[in-house]
Amino acid sequence: MIPTAREFIEMNTKEPEKIFRLGRVDSVTGGLPTIQFDGEETASGKLYAKLDGYSPTTGDRVLLAKVSGTYIVLGKVVK
């Protein structure tokens, strides 16, 4: 079956890349955090780089930015 123009566009449209993500600090090792990203069931096993002015604490809600194929913690989100 040949797809309609709309179906063809939908099949070939990628999700926009997420530049910024939110998450929660799951643990801290050597001053670097592991993150449980919003919408994910488990924390990543990876330690993420952070900006110099931020000292992560377990449970912090954080904003991350994608840089060179990974995420960097920009800082804590406060209300």
C-alpha atoms as a PDB file:
ATOM      1  CA  MET A   1       0.000   0.000   0.000  1.00  0.00           C
ATOM      2  CA  ILE A   2       1.318   3.431  -0.929  1.00  0.00           C
ATOM      3  CA  PRO A   3       1.158   5.938   1.943  1.00  0.00           C
ATOM      4  CA  THR A   4      -0.678   9.214   1.609  1.00  0.00           C
ATOM      5  CA  ALA A   5       1.335  12.433   1.718  1.00  0.00           C
ATOM      6  CA  ARG A   6       0.374  12.985   5.358  1.00  0.00           C
ATOM      7  CA  GLU A   7       1.375   9.413   6.328  1.00  0.00           C
ATOM      8  CA  PHE A   8       4.688   9.827   4.494  1.00  0.00           C
ATOM      9  CA  ILE A   9       5.471  13.041   6.386  1.00  0.00           C
ATOM     10  CA  GLU A  10       4.532  11.462   9.732  1.00  0.00           C
ATOM     11  CA  MET A  11       6.735   8.429   8.998  1.00  0.00           C
ATOM     12  CA  ASN A  12       9.727  10.644   8.208  1.00  0.00           C
ATOM     13  CA  THR A  13       9.402  13.277  10.902  1.00  0.00           C
ATOM     14  CA  LYS A  14      11.792  12.807  13.793  1.00  0.00           C
ATOM     15  CA  GLU A  15      11.095  13.899  17.341  1.00  0.00           C
ATOM     16  CA  PRO A  16      12.869  17.178  18.044  1.00  0.00           C
ATOM     17  CA  GLU A  17      16.115  16.694  19.942  1.00  0.00           C
ATOM     18  CA  LYS A  18      15.849  17.561  23.618  1.00  0.00           C
ATOM     19  CA  ILE A  19      18.414  20.241  24.399  1.00  0.00           C
ATOM     20  CA  PHE A  20      17.296  20.721  28.020  1.00  0.00           C
ATOM     21  CA  ARG A  21      16.070  18.071  30.454  1.00  0.00           C
ATOM     22  CA  LEU A  22      14.921  18.003  34.052  1.00  0.00           C
ATOM     23  CA  GLY A  23      15.809  15.363  36.579  1.00  0.00           C
ATOM     24  CA  ARG A  24      16.587  14.609  40.189  1.00  0.00           C
ATOM     25  CA  VAL A  25      20.001  13.897  41.725  1.00  0.00           C
ATOM     26  CA  ASP A  26      19.984  10.218  42.695  1.00  0.00           C
ATOM     27  CA  SER A  27      23.438  10.071  44.264  1.00  0.00           C
ATOM     28  CA  VAL A  28      26.714  11.994  44.388  1.00  0.00           C
ATOM     29  CA  THR A  29      30.178  10.444  43.957  1.00  0.00           C
ATOM     30  CA  GLY A  30      33.306  12.556  44.109  1.00  0.00           C
ATOM     31  CA  GLY A  31      31.184  15.686  43.782  1.00  0.00           C
ATOM     32  CA  LEU A  32      29.503  14.508  40.554  1.00  0.00           C
ATOM     33  CA  PRO A  33      25.840  13.459  40.435  1.00  0.00           C
ATOM     34  CA  THR A  34      23.992  10.554  38.887  1.00  0.00           C
ATOM     35  CA  ILE A  35      20.599  11.651  37.576  1.00  0.00           C
ATOM     36  CA  GLN A  36      17.147  10.137  37.358  1.00  0.00           C
ATOM     37  CA  PHE A  37      15.664  11.959  34.390  1.00  0.00           C
ATOM     38  CA  ASP A  38      11.989  12.929  34.462  1.00  0.00           C
ATOM     39  CA  GLY A  39       9.869  10.196  32.905  1.00  0.00           C
ATOM     40  CA  GLU A  40      12.440   7.447  33.483  1.00  0.00           C
ATOM     41  CA  GLU A  41      12.036   4.641  36.020  1.00  0.00           C
ATOM     42  CA  THR A  42      15.665   4.340  37.124  1.00  0.00           C
ATOM     43  CA  ALA A  43      18.641   6.617  37.559  1.00  0.00           C
ATOM     44  CA  SER A  44      21.427   6.625  35.022  1.00  0.00           C
ATOM     45  CA  GLY A  45      24.589   4.893  36.103  1.00  0.00           C
ATOM     46  CA  LYS A  46      26.625   7.744  34.645  1.00  0.00           C
ATOM     47  CA  LEU A  47      28.263  10.593  36.551  1.00  0.00           C
ATOM     48  CA  TYR A  48      27.385  13.931  34.951  1.00  0.00           C
ATOM     49  CA  ALA A  49      29.578  17.006  34.733  1.00  0.00           C
ATOM     50  CA  LYS A  50      28.268  20.143  36.421  1.00  0.00           C
ATOM     51  CA  LEU A  51      28.927  23.855  36.415  1.00  0.00           C
ATOM     52  CA  ASP A  52      31.493  24.996  38.972  1.00  0.00           C
ATOM     53  CA  GLY A  53      29.080  26.999  41.136  1.00  0.00           C
ATOM     54  CA  TYR A  54      26.714  24.083  41.844  1.00  0.00           C
ATOM     55  CA  SER A  55      27.280  21.537  44.634  1.00  0.00           C
ATOM     56  CA  PRO A  56      24.851  18.632  44.092  1.00  0.00           C
ATOM     57  CA  THR A  57      22.896  17.089  46.934  1.00  0.00           C
ATOM     58  CA  THR A  58      20.853  13.890  46.713  1.00  0.00           C
ATOM     59  CA  GLY A  59      17.245  14.789  45.924  1.00  0.00           C
ATOM     60  CA  ASP A  60      17.974  18.114  44.202  1.00  0.00           C
ATOM     61  CA  ARG A  61      15.770  18.920  41.208  1.00  0.00           C
ATOM     62  CA  VAL A  62      18.157  19.968  38.411  1.00  0.00           C
ATOM     63  CA  LEU A  63      18.214  21.382  34.889  1.00  0.00           C
ATOM     64  CA  LEU A  64      20.597  19.798  32.390  1.00  0.00           C
ATOM     65  CA  ALA A  65      21.717  20.903  28.914  1.00  0.00           C
ATOM     66  CA  LYS A  66      22.902  18.626  26.102  1.00  0.00           C
ATOM     67  CA  VAL A  67      26.473  19.397  25.058  1.00  0.00           C
ATOM     68  CA  SER A  68      28.634  17.211  22.791  1.00  0.00           C
ATOM     69  CA  GLY A  69      26.361  14.175  23.068  1.00  0.00           C
ATOM     70  CA  THR A  70      25.966  14.206  26.858  1.00  0.00           C
ATOM     71  CA  TYR A  71      24.276  16.327  29.492  1.00  0.00           C
ATOM     72  CA  ILE A  72      25.816  18.864  31.869  1.00  0.00           C
ATOM     73  CA  VAL A  73      24.050  19.857  35.083  1.00  0.00           C
ATOM     74  CA  LEU A  74      23.411  23.601  34.947  1.00  0.00           C
ATOM     75  CA  GLY A  75      22.121  23.891  38.486  1.00  0.00           C
ATOM     76  CA  LYS A  76      19.387  23.336  41.002  1.00  0.00           C
ATOM     77  CA  VAL A  77      15.777  24.312  40.242  1.00  0.00           C
ATOM     78  CA  VAL A  78      14.141  26.106  43.172  1.00  0.00           C
ATOM     79  CA  LYS A  79      10.580  27.314  43.571  1.00  0.00           C
END
